[in-house]
Amino acid sequence: MERLMKKYQSKYKRAREEMDRWEQLQSLFLTQFGNASAIIGRLPVLQDPNNFGILSGNPDIKKELLANQLESFEMIYSALLGTMKEFLVIVKALEKISQDAYFLLKEECKKVSSEQMEARVGAGPSIMDCLEGLKTIHEMHLFEYHLKSSVVLALNWNSSPGDLTAFNHLLADQPNIPRVQVQLIYNKIFMDGVD
């Protein structure tokens, strides 16, 4: 049982590495999304001829500025989709870690009773705690990925300033990955404070 717990702890360390990668991507993602939102916010200003003052005598400048902004948006949006693909790689890695934990149980213990699944060694976690924790971490990231995907797909030229602000706040908050809950899972698995 102790050997199995050590293997589960190594799965949690691997999951932590994936979550650290997620956090690095989150920073990039927020920058990309903020840049795309800023461009969308500028489009109405660029379409209003009253905003060009002395330059309004040159009709090409309005077209060029608008074209440059649209081109920049397309590049940023493409990069944003690339970042989403990287988030999906992490979600799949967390899913594999969770599935491997279940497979490890089958491999290590051919017949485990429900009592053994719930049994604790001292104050340490049960096998079920280990399995459920990894499953929960995967699901949190999966749900957050789906939220991010929905917001990215909702981003368009007609997004209002209010929508853009709400999207940015929602993405920054990551409501599907409550840090306190994640830390509680790790505290339960690593009773000695090592994670």
Protein backbone atom coordinates (compact mmCIF):
# COMPACT_ATOMS: atom_id res chain seq x y z
CA MET A 1 0.00 0.00 0.00
CA GLU A 2 2.82 2.40 0.84
CA ARG A 3 4.52 1.69 -2.49
CA LEU A 4 1.26 2.48 -4.29
CA MET A 5 0.93 5.76 -2.39
CA LYS A 6 4.44 6.78 -3.43
CA LYS A 7 3.50 6.09 -7.06
CA TYR A 8 0.38 8.21 -6.65
CA GLN A 9 2.44 11.03 -5.20
CA SER A 10 4.64 10.92 -8.29
CA LYS A 11 1.48 11.22 -10.41
CA TYR A 12 0.55 14.31 -8.42
CA LYS A 13 4.00 15.78 -8.98
CA ARG A 14 3.54 15.22 -12.71
CA ALA A 15 0.09 16.85 -12.54
CA ARG A 16 1.68 19.83 -10.74
CA GLU A 17 4.15 20.20 -13.63
CA GLU A 18 1.24 20.31 -16.08
CA MET A 19 -0.58 22.87 -13.92
CA ASP A 20 2.57 25.01 -13.84
CA ARG A 21 2.65 24.86 -17.65
CA TRP A 22 -1.02 25.89 -17.63
CA GLU A 23 -0.21 28.95 -15.52
CA GLN A 24 2.57 29.98 -17.91
CA LEU A 25 0.18 29.63 -20.85
CA GLN A 26 -2.51 31.52 -18.94
CA SER A 27 -0.27 34.59 -18.81
CA LEU A 28 0.39 34.41 -22.55
CA PHE A 29 -3.30 33.74 -23.25
CA LEU A 30 -4.44 36.79 -21.26
CA THR A 31 -1.95 39.00 -23.12
CA GLN A 32 -3.11 37.69 -26.49
CA PHE A 33 -6.78 38.02 -25.60
CA GLY A 34 -6.22 41.52 -24.23
CA ASN A 35 -4.46 42.56 -27.44
CA ALA A 36 -7.27 41.15 -29.59
CA SER A 37 -9.84 42.91 -27.40
CA ALA A 38 -7.96 46.21 -27.71
CA ILE A 39 -8.02 45.98 -31.50
CA ILE A 40 -11.76 45.28 -31.51
CA GLY A 41 -12.23 48.24 -29.19
CA ARG A 42 -10.34 50.51 -31.63
CA LEU A 43 -12.33 49.53 -34.71
CA PRO A 44 -15.30 51.89 -34.09
CA VAL A 45 -12.86 54.78 -33.57
CA LEU A 46 -11.08 54.01 -36.82
CA GLN A 47 -14.37 53.82 -38.72
CA ASP A 48 -15.52 57.26 -37.59
CA PRO A 49 -14.24 59.93 -40.04
CA ASN A 50 -14.56 62.62 -37.34
CA ASN A 51 -11.62 61.09 -35.49
CA PHE A 52 -9.08 61.81 -38.22
CA GLY A 53 -9.00 65.62 -37.98
CA ILE A 54 -6.54 67.05 -40.47
CA LEU A 55 -5.85 63.56 -41.85
CA SER A 56 -9.47 63.18 -42.99
CA GLY A 57 -8.44 64.77 -46.31
CA ASN A 58 -6.52 61.58 -47.08
CA PRO A 59 -9.15 58.83 -47.57
CA ASP A 60 -6.50 56.14 -47.94
CA ILE A 61 -5.21 56.57 -44.40
CA LYS A 62 -8.49 55.41 -42.90
CA LYS A 63 -8.48 52.28 -45.09
CA GLU A 64 -4.82 51.56 -44.37
CA LEU A 65 -5.21 51.92 -40.61
CA LEU A 66 -8.30 49.73 -40.60
CA ALA A 67 -6.59 47.12 -42.79
CA ASN A 68 -3.53 47.11 -40.50
CA GLN A 69 -5.71 46.61 -37.43
CA LEU A 70 -7.65 43.77 -39.08
CA GLU A 71 -4.42 42.09 -40.14
CA SER A 72 -3.01 42.43 -36.62
CA PHE A 73 -6.21 40.98 -35.20
CA GLU A 74 -6.02 37.97 -37.52
CA MET A 75 -2.41 37.29 -36.46
CA ILE A 76 -3.25 37.60 -32.77
CA TYR A 77 -6.38 35.47 -33.14
CA SER A 78 -4.34 32.78 -34.90
CA ALA A 79 -1.81 32.83 -32.03
CA LEU A 80 -4.72 32.65 -29.56
CA LEU A 81 -5.99 29.51 -31.28
CA GLY A 82 -2.47 28.05 -31.06
CA THR A 83 -2.43 28.73 -27.33
CA MET A 84 -5.81 27.01 -27.02
CA LYS A 85 -4.28 23.93 -28.66
CA GLU A 86 -1.53 23.98 -26.03
CA PHE A 87 -4.15 24.17 -23.26
CA LEU A 88 -5.81 21.11 -24.78
CA VAL A 89 -2.49 19.22 -24.71
CA ILE A 90 -2.32 19.91 -20.96
CA VAL A 91 -5.93 18.80 -20.44
CA LYS A 92 -5.17 15.54 -22.25
CA ALA A 93 -2.00 15.04 -20.20
CA LEU A 94 -3.99 15.50 -16.96
CA GLU A 95 -6.58 13.04 -18.25
CA LYS A 96 -3.84 10.49 -18.97
CA ILE A 97 -2.33 10.97 -15.51
CA SER A 98 -5.75 10.32 -13.96
CA GLN A 99 -6.38 7.27 -16.15
CA ASP A 100 -2.89 5.93 -15.40
CA ALA A 101 -3.64 6.20 -11.68
CA TYR A 102 -6.68 3.94 -12.12
CA PHE A 103 -4.65 1.55 -14.27
CA LEU A 104 -1.92 1.51 -11.63
CA LEU A 105 -4.46 0.42 -9.04
CA LYS A 106 -5.61 -2.46 -11.25
CA GLU A 107 -2.00 -3.43 -11.90
CA GLU A 108 -0.83 -3.26 -8.28
CA CYS A 109 -3.86 -4.66 -6.54
CA LYS A 110 -5.76 -7.28 -8.50
CA LYS A 111 -8.64 -7.36 -6.04
CA VAL A 112 -9.20 -4.31 -3.89
CA SER A 113 -12.30 -4.13 -1.75
CA SER A 114 -14.22 -0.91 -1.24
CA GLU A 115 -13.00 -0.92 2.37
CA GLN A 116 -9.39 -1.01 1.18
CA MET A 117 -10.11 1.84 -1.27
CA GLU A 118 -11.31 4.01 1.62
CA ALA A 119 -8.69 2.82 4.14
CA ARG A 120 -6.14 5.34 5.33
CA VAL A 121 -2.63 4.71 6.52
CA GLY A 122 -2.43 6.93 9.58
CA ALA A 123 -3.48 10.46 8.68
CA GLY A 124 -2.53 9.93 5.02
CA PRO A 125 -4.89 9.77 2.08
CA SER A 126 -6.88 6.77 0.98
CA ILE A 127 -6.53 5.24 -2.47
CA MET A 128 -9.90 6.77 -3.31
CA ASP A 129 -8.64 10.23 -2.22
CA CYS A 130 -5.72 9.86 -4.62
CA LEU A 131 -7.87 8.75 -7.53
CA GLU A 132 -10.62 11.32 -6.98
CA GLY A 133 -8.13 14.15 -6.54
CA LEU A 134 -6.47 13.49 -9.91
CA LYS A 135 -9.87 13.12 -11.57
CA THR A 136 -11.04 16.42 -10.05
CA ILE A 137 -7.91 18.26 -11.19
CA HIS A 138 -8.41 16.96 -14.73
CA GLU A 139 -12.09 17.94 -14.75
CA MET A 140 -11.34 21.45 -13.46
CA HIS A 141 -8.92 22.06 -16.30
CA LEU A 142 -11.23 20.46 -18.85
CA PHE A 143 -14.13 22.72 -17.81
CA GLU A 144 -11.84 25.76 -17.85
CA TYR A 145 -10.64 24.80 -21.33
CA HIS A 146 -14.25 24.65 -22.53
CA LEU A 147 -14.95 28.06 -21.00
CA LYS A 148 -11.89 29.57 -22.70
CA SER A 149 -12.91 27.99 -26.02
CA SER A 150 -16.41 29.43 -25.75
CA VAL A 151 -15.10 32.91 -25.00
CA VAL A 152 -12.56 32.81 -27.83
CA LEU A 153 -15.27 31.71 -30.26
CA ALA A 154 -17.57 34.49 -29.00
CA LEU A 155 -14.91 37.12 -29.70
CA ASN A 156 -15.80 38.99 -32.90
CA TRP A 157 -15.84 42.43 -34.53
CA ASN A 158 -19.23 43.21 -33.00
CA SER A 159 -18.26 42.46 -29.40
CA SER A 160 -19.27 45.40 -27.25
CA PRO A 161 -16.84 47.08 -24.84
CA GLY A 162 -18.88 45.60 -21.98
CA ASP A 163 -18.58 42.11 -23.45
CA LEU A 164 -14.84 42.53 -23.91
CA THR A 165 -14.40 43.66 -20.30
CA ALA A 166 -16.53 40.77 -19.02
CA PHE A 167 -14.62 38.27 -21.18
CA ASN A 168 -11.27 39.54 -19.90
CA HIS A 169 -12.38 39.33 -16.25
CA LEU A 170 -13.85 35.87 -16.71
CA LEU A 171 -10.71 34.55 -18.35
CA ALA A 172 -8.43 36.09 -15.71
CA ASP A 173 -10.49 34.62 -12.84
CA GLN A 174 -10.44 31.01 -14.13
CA PRO A 175 -13.58 30.14 -12.14
CA ASN A 176 -13.35 26.41 -12.87
CA ILE A 177 -9.94 26.05 -11.20
CA PRO A 178 -10.40 27.21 -7.60
CA ARG A 179 -6.87 27.48 -6.19
CA VAL A 180 -8.03 26.74 -2.65
CA GLN A 181 -9.62 23.45 -3.71
CA VAL A 182 -6.52 22.43 -5.66
CA GLN A 183 -4.34 23.21 -2.66
CA LEU A 184 -6.63 21.19 -0.37
CA ILE A 185 -6.27 18.20 -2.68
CA TYR A 186 -2.48 18.49 -2.56
CA ASN A 187 -2.49 19.01 1.21
CA LYS A 188 -4.44 15.78 1.61
CA ILE A 189 -2.06 13.81 -0.63
CA PHE A 190 1.16 15.31 0.72
CA MET A 191 0.51 15.30 4.46
CA ASP A 192 4.21 15.97 5.08
CA GLY A 193 3.98 19.27 3.22
CA VAL A 194 5.96 18.13 0.17
CA ASP A 195 4.36 18.79 -3.21
